Amino acid sequence: MTGNGKYRTEGEQVSRDYREGKISLQTLVDIFESYVDARESENAPDFEELRGAWFPIEIVNAVRWDDPAKASKNETAVREFIQEFLELLP
């Protein structure tokens, strides 16, 4: 995955797929983590900031696994975290 804007384009599609129920939050977390890992392997200066934006999504995902009843209660926060992550993608 290289090329300016490709991460953002793909990330926005992943986000849409999540909102439409086509993929789980776990899948979104895994895909977004792969973007962070790819940026790190490219020695991109933004990878630490991306990881920092990815981490809250991972935490919410872990909370959902521990207590599925909280899923609907934190959906607004999840979408905000996702948007923050997308805004950082090149």
C-alpha atoms as a PDB file:
ATOM      1  CA  MET A   1       0.000   0.000   0.000  1.00  0.00           C
ATOM      2  CA  THR A   2       1.747   3.028  -1.204  1.00  0.00           C
ATOM      3  CA  GLY A   3       0.681   6.143  -2.958  1.00  0.00           C
ATOM      4  CA  ASN A   4      -0.656   9.374  -1.610  1.00  0.00           C
ATOM      5  CA  GLY A   5      -4.286   9.072  -0.561  1.00  0.00           C
ATOM      6  CA  LYS A   6      -4.608   5.322  -0.922  1.00  0.00           C
ATOM      7  CA  TYR A   7      -4.705   4.720   2.823  1.00  0.00           C
ATOM      8  CA  ARG A   8      -7.378   7.360   3.266  1.00  0.00           C
ATOM      9  CA  THR A   9      -9.478   6.071   0.363  1.00  0.00           C
ATOM     10  CA  GLU A  10      -9.298   2.513   1.640  1.00  0.00           C
ATOM     11  CA  GLY A  11      -9.825   3.626   5.235  1.00  0.00           C
ATOM     12  CA  GLU A  12     -12.961   5.551   4.325  1.00  0.00           C
ATOM     13  CA  GLN A  13     -14.343   2.464   2.565  1.00  0.00           C
ATOM     14  CA  VAL A  14     -13.558   0.314   5.614  1.00  0.00           C
ATOM     15  CA  SER A  15     -15.342   2.863   7.796  1.00  0.00           C
ATOM     16  CA  ARG A  16     -18.411   2.780   5.510  1.00  0.00           C
ATOM     17  CA  ASP A  17     -18.411  -1.000   5.563  1.00  0.00           C
ATOM     18  CA  TYR A  18     -18.365  -0.930   9.370  1.00  0.00           C
ATOM     19  CA  ARG A  19     -21.217   1.619   9.576  1.00  0.00           C
ATOM     20  CA  GLU A  20     -23.270  -0.462   7.137  1.00  0.00           C
ATOM     21  CA  GLY A  21     -22.685  -3.614   9.185  1.00  0.00           C
ATOM     22  CA  LYS A  22     -20.656  -5.352   6.475  1.00  0.00           C
ATOM     23  CA  ILE A  23     -17.635  -5.822   8.755  1.00  0.00           C
ATOM     24  CA  SER A  24     -17.159  -6.054  12.502  1.00  0.00           C
ATOM     25  CA  LEU A  25     -15.321  -3.572  14.680  1.00  0.00           C
ATOM     26  CA  GLN A  26     -12.634  -6.231  15.140  1.00  0.00           C
ATOM     27  CA  THR A  27     -12.101  -6.378  11.387  1.00  0.00           C
ATOM     28  CA  LEU A  28     -11.893  -2.581  11.203  1.00  0.00           C
ATOM     29  CA  VAL A  29      -9.353  -2.585  14.048  1.00  0.00           C
ATOM     30  CA  ASP A  30      -7.244  -5.195  12.265  1.00  0.00           C
ATOM     31  CA  ILE A  31      -7.296  -3.302   8.959  1.00  0.00           C
ATOM     32  CA  PHE A  32      -6.468   0.021  10.591  1.00  0.00           C
ATOM     33  CA  GLU A  33      -3.643  -1.612  12.528  1.00  0.00           C
ATOM     34  CA  SER A  34      -2.246  -2.916   9.249  1.00  0.00           C
ATOM     35  CA  TYR A  35      -2.142   0.693   7.983  1.00  0.00           C
ATOM     36  CA  VAL A  36      -0.218   1.757  11.086  1.00  0.00           C
ATOM     37  CA  ASP A  37       2.185  -1.162  10.702  1.00  0.00           C
ATOM     38  CA  ALA A  38       2.679  -0.401   7.010  1.00  0.00           C
ATOM     39  CA  ARG A  39       3.441   3.256   7.746  1.00  0.00           C
ATOM     40  CA  GLU A  40       5.920   2.153  10.409  1.00  0.00           C
ATOM     41  CA  SER A  41       7.656  -0.201   7.972  1.00  0.00           C
ATOM     42  CA  GLU A  42       7.828   2.686   5.482  1.00  0.00           C
ATOM     43  CA  ASN A  43       9.580   4.713   8.203  1.00  0.00           C
ATOM     44  CA  ALA A  44       6.868   7.353   7.845  1.00  0.00           C
ATOM     45  CA  PRO A  45       7.060  10.071  10.480  1.00  0.00           C
ATOM     46  CA  ASP A  46       3.300   9.871  11.143  1.00  0.00           C
ATOM     47  CA  PHE A  47       3.119   6.241  12.279  1.00  0.00           C
ATOM     48  CA  GLU A  48       3.276   7.052  16.010  1.00  0.00           C
ATOM     49  CA  GLU A  49       0.458   9.579  15.708  1.00  0.00           C
ATOM     50  CA  LEU A  50      -1.563   7.027  13.721  1.00  0.00           C
ATOM     51  CA  ARG A  51      -0.943   4.378  16.376  1.00  0.00           C
ATOM     52  CA  GLY A  52      -2.102   6.843  19.031  1.00  0.00           C
ATOM     53  CA  ALA A  53      -5.337   7.418  17.088  1.00  0.00           C
ATOM     54  CA  TRP A  54      -5.821   3.684  16.468  1.00  0.00           C
ATOM     55  CA  PHE A  55      -5.390   2.685  20.110  1.00  0.00           C
ATOM     56  CA  PRO A  56      -8.729   4.104  21.442  1.00  0.00           C
ATOM     57  CA  ILE A  57     -10.580   2.121  18.762  1.00  0.00           C
ATOM     58  CA  GLU A  58      -8.788  -1.020  19.924  1.00  0.00           C
ATOM     59  CA  ILE A  59      -9.678  -0.274  23.555  1.00  0.00           C
ATOM     60  CA  VAL A  60     -13.379   0.153  22.745  1.00  0.00           C
ATOM     61  CA  ASN A  61     -13.266  -3.079  20.775  1.00  0.00           C
ATOM     62  CA  ALA A  62     -11.759  -4.886  23.774  1.00  0.00           C
ATOM     63  CA  VAL A  63     -14.440  -3.455  26.068  1.00  0.00           C
ATOM     64  CA  ARG A  64     -17.104  -4.752  23.705  1.00  0.00           C
ATOM     65  CA  TRP A  65     -15.622  -8.236  23.882  1.00  0.00           C
ATOM     66  CA  ASP A  66     -15.673  -8.064  27.680  1.00  0.00           C
ATOM     67  CA  ASP A  67     -19.183  -6.564  27.909  1.00  0.00           C
ATOM     68  CA  PRO A  68     -21.227  -6.709  24.681  1.00  0.00           C
ATOM     69  CA  ALA A  69     -24.057  -4.767  26.353  1.00  0.00           C
ATOM     70  CA  LYS A  70     -21.879  -1.641  26.153  1.00  0.00           C
ATOM     71  CA  ALA A  71     -21.668  -1.789  22.347  1.00  0.00           C
ATOM     72  CA  SER A  72     -24.630   0.454  21.634  1.00  0.00           C
ATOM     73  CA  LYS A  73     -23.693   2.830  24.446  1.00  0.00           C
ATOM     74  CA  ASN A  74     -20.288   3.672  22.989  1.00  0.00           C
ATOM     75  CA  GLU A  75     -21.058   3.709  19.254  1.00  0.00           C
ATOM     76  CA  THR A  76     -20.875   7.506  19.062  1.00  0.00           C
ATOM     77  CA  ALA A  77     -17.409   7.456  20.625  1.00  0.00           C
ATOM     78  CA  VAL A  78     -16.315   4.674  18.264  1.00  0.00           C
ATOM     79  CA  ARG A  79     -17.353   6.701  15.229  1.00  0.00           C
ATOM     80  CA  GLU A  80     -15.547   9.775  16.568  1.00  0.00           C
ATOM     81  CA  PHE A  81     -12.358   7.732  17.133  1.00  0.00           C
ATOM     82  CA  ILE A  82     -12.642   6.298  13.621  1.00  0.00           C
ATOM     83  CA  GLN A  83     -13.038   9.779  12.144  1.00  0.00           C
ATOM     84  CA  GLU A  84     -10.001  11.049  14.052  1.00  0.00           C
ATOM     85  CA  PHE A  85      -7.963   8.152  12.705  1.00  0.00           C
ATOM     86  CA  LEU A  86      -9.160   8.749   9.124  1.00  0.00           C
ATOM     87  CA  GLU A  87      -8.214  12.412   9.312  1.00  0.00           C
ATOM     88  CA  LEU A  88      -4.609  11.421  10.010  1.00  0.00           C
ATOM     89  CA  LEU A  89      -4.299   8.983   7.122  1.00  0.00           C
ATOM     90  CA  PRO A  90      -2.236  10.146   4.176  1.00  0.00           C
END
